[in-house]
Amino acid sequence: SAKQFEKYHDHDGRDRENGIWKFLADVKVLGLEPARKAMLNYARFDREPFPTLYAMFAGEKTTAELFADIDAKKLRDNTAVMFFANYYGGLNEELLGRREKAVELVRQAIAGPLHAEPSYMWQVARLHYDWLAAQKP
């Protein structure tokens, strides 16, 4: 799947969400640090909060710094920003072995206002939450 995300990057070199999924696919095969070294490069600005999310997965920011950045930019009222911050923040916490925090953040993502009109990514987060919540600590 990482190759598929890499190919899409040639088509749209701005979509960091694509790069995050490529990174997550690489982690499964290569491990965390090699996957970080293989992350796609982005020169153009993407929608919030993806530049900060990308830095978080690259190991340059923590999940707490992600939310501090959102607060500094006064984006807490943006439901899409908060959905993606909570969902991908949860994925980061899961990646780092902090399961309880991961479950809580993904739960917040699916419990937010976007659940009223579920999108594709909301459904992905919901399925991920169901899987995470079913895992034994």
Protein backbone atom coordinates (compact mmCIF):
# COMPACT_ATOMS: atom_id res chain seq x y z
CA SER A 1 0.00 0.00 0.00
CA ALA A 2 2.93 2.36 0.63
CA LYS A 3 3.76 2.23 -3.08
CA GLN A 4 0.19 3.24 -3.94
CA PHE A 5 0.43 6.29 -1.66
CA GLU A 6 3.82 7.12 -3.14
CA LYS A 7 2.37 7.02 -6.67
CA TYR A 8 -0.46 9.32 -5.65
CA HIS A 9 2.11 11.79 -4.33
CA ASP A 10 3.34 12.20 -7.91
CA HIS A 11 -0.21 13.25 -8.82
CA ASP A 12 -0.90 15.50 -5.79
CA GLY A 13 2.23 16.69 -4.00
CA ARG A 14 0.25 18.74 -1.49
CA ASP A 15 -1.89 16.11 0.28
CA ARG A 16 -0.03 15.29 3.50
CA GLU A 17 -2.82 12.96 4.59
CA ASN A 18 -1.68 10.70 1.77
CA GLY A 19 1.87 10.95 3.10
CA ILE A 20 0.72 10.01 6.60
CA TRP A 21 -0.91 6.83 5.32
CA LYS A 22 2.22 5.99 3.33
CA PHE A 23 4.24 6.47 6.52
CA LEU A 24 1.86 4.28 8.54
CA ALA A 25 2.11 1.55 5.89
CA ASP A 26 5.90 1.81 5.93
CA VAL A 27 6.03 1.54 9.74
CA LYS A 28 4.43 -1.92 9.52
CA VAL A 29 7.16 -3.15 7.17
CA LEU A 30 10.23 -1.03 7.87
CA GLY A 31 9.83 0.00 11.50
CA LEU A 32 9.41 3.49 12.96
CA GLU A 33 12.75 5.19 12.29
CA PRO A 34 13.26 3.84 8.75
CA ALA A 35 9.66 4.85 7.93
CA ARG A 36 10.38 8.35 9.21
CA LYS A 37 13.41 8.55 6.95
CA ALA A 38 11.27 7.43 3.99
CA MET A 39 8.54 10.05 4.53
CA LEU A 40 7.45 12.00 1.46
CA ASN A 41 8.62 15.59 1.04
CA TYR A 42 6.14 18.47 0.89
CA ALA A 43 6.99 22.01 -0.20
CA ARG A 44 3.50 23.50 -0.46
CA PHE A 45 1.14 24.28 2.41
CA ASP A 46 -1.69 21.86 3.06
CA ARG A 47 -4.91 22.29 5.04
CA GLU A 48 -4.81 22.48 8.81
CA PRO A 49 -3.83 20.58 10.88
CA PHE A 50 -1.86 18.44 8.41
CA PRO A 51 1.47 20.30 8.43
CA THR A 52 1.67 19.86 12.21
CA LEU A 53 0.37 16.29 12.03
CA TYR A 54 3.08 15.47 9.51
CA ALA A 55 5.74 16.93 11.79
CA MET A 56 4.31 14.86 14.64
CA PHE A 57 4.62 11.60 12.70
CA ALA A 58 8.12 12.64 11.62
CA GLY A 59 9.04 12.76 15.32
CA GLU A 60 9.51 16.54 15.31
CA LYS A 61 6.46 17.28 17.50
CA THR A 62 4.53 15.46 20.18
CA THR A 63 0.80 14.90 20.31
CA ALA A 64 0.63 17.51 23.08
CA GLU A 65 2.45 20.01 20.83
CA LEU A 66 -0.09 19.28 18.08
CA PHE A 67 -2.91 20.45 20.36
CA ALA A 68 -0.85 23.42 21.61
CA ASP A 69 -0.37 24.45 17.97
CA ILE A 70 -4.12 24.19 17.37
CA ASP A 71 -4.74 26.37 20.42
CA ALA A 72 -2.14 28.93 19.29
CA LYS A 73 -3.83 29.15 15.89
CA LYS A 74 -7.28 29.34 17.55
CA LEU A 75 -8.59 26.35 15.61
CA ARG A 76 -10.44 24.48 18.42
CA ASP A 77 -13.81 25.57 16.99
CA ASN A 78 -13.04 24.06 13.58
CA THR A 79 -14.76 20.66 13.67
CA ALA A 80 -12.75 19.22 10.76
CA VAL A 81 -9.43 20.30 12.31
CA MET A 82 -10.39 18.74 15.63
CA PHE A 83 -11.58 15.51 14.02
CA PHE A 84 -8.28 15.05 12.20
CA ALA A 85 -6.20 16.16 15.21
CA ASN A 86 -7.95 13.68 17.49
CA TYR A 87 -7.93 10.82 15.01
CA TYR A 88 -4.35 11.17 13.86
CA GLY A 89 -3.20 12.13 17.35
CA GLY A 90 -4.72 8.83 18.45
CA LEU A 91 -2.91 6.98 15.67
CA ASN A 92 0.35 8.55 16.82
CA GLU A 93 -0.27 7.54 20.43
CA GLU A 94 -1.06 3.98 19.28
CA LEU A 95 2.14 3.93 17.23
CA LEU A 96 4.12 4.96 20.31
CA GLY A 97 2.52 2.25 22.46
CA ARG A 98 0.25 4.53 24.49
CA ARG A 99 -2.95 2.59 23.92
CA GLU A 100 -5.17 4.26 26.54
CA LYS A 101 -4.45 7.73 25.16
CA ALA A 102 -4.94 6.41 21.63
CA VAL A 103 -8.37 5.01 22.47
CA GLU A 104 -9.43 8.26 24.14
CA LEU A 105 -8.34 10.48 21.23
CA VAL A 106 -9.94 8.28 18.57
CA ARG A 107 -13.12 8.16 20.68
CA GLN A 108 -13.11 11.97 20.77
CA ALA A 109 -12.70 12.06 17.00
CA ILE A 110 -15.77 9.95 16.34
CA ALA A 111 -17.83 11.56 19.11
CA GLY A 112 -17.34 15.06 17.68
CA PRO A 113 -19.85 16.97 15.57
CA LEU A 114 -18.87 15.18 12.35
CA HIS A 115 -20.72 12.06 13.51
CA ALA A 116 -23.98 13.74 12.46
CA GLU A 117 -22.93 13.48 8.81
CA PRO A 118 -20.39 10.66 8.72
CA SER A 119 -17.76 10.95 6.00
CA TYR A 120 -15.45 8.29 4.66
CA MET A 121 -12.68 9.26 7.10
CA TRP A 122 -15.14 9.36 10.00
CA GLN A 123 -16.08 5.77 9.14
CA VAL A 124 -12.39 4.82 9.01
CA ALA A 125 -11.92 6.36 12.47
CA ARG A 126 -15.04 4.58 13.79
CA LEU A 127 -13.78 1.21 12.59
CA HIS A 128 -10.35 1.94 14.02
CA TYR A 129 -11.93 2.86 17.36
CA ASP A 130 -13.94 -0.37 17.42
CA TRP A 131 -10.75 -2.34 16.75
CA LEU A 132 -8.70 -0.42 19.34
CA ALA A 133 -11.39 -0.67 22.01
CA ALA A 134 -11.65 -4.44 21.50
CA GLN A 135 -7.91 -5.00 22.04
CA LYS A 136 -6.82 -6.22 25.44
CA PRO A 137 -4.42 -3.85 27.24
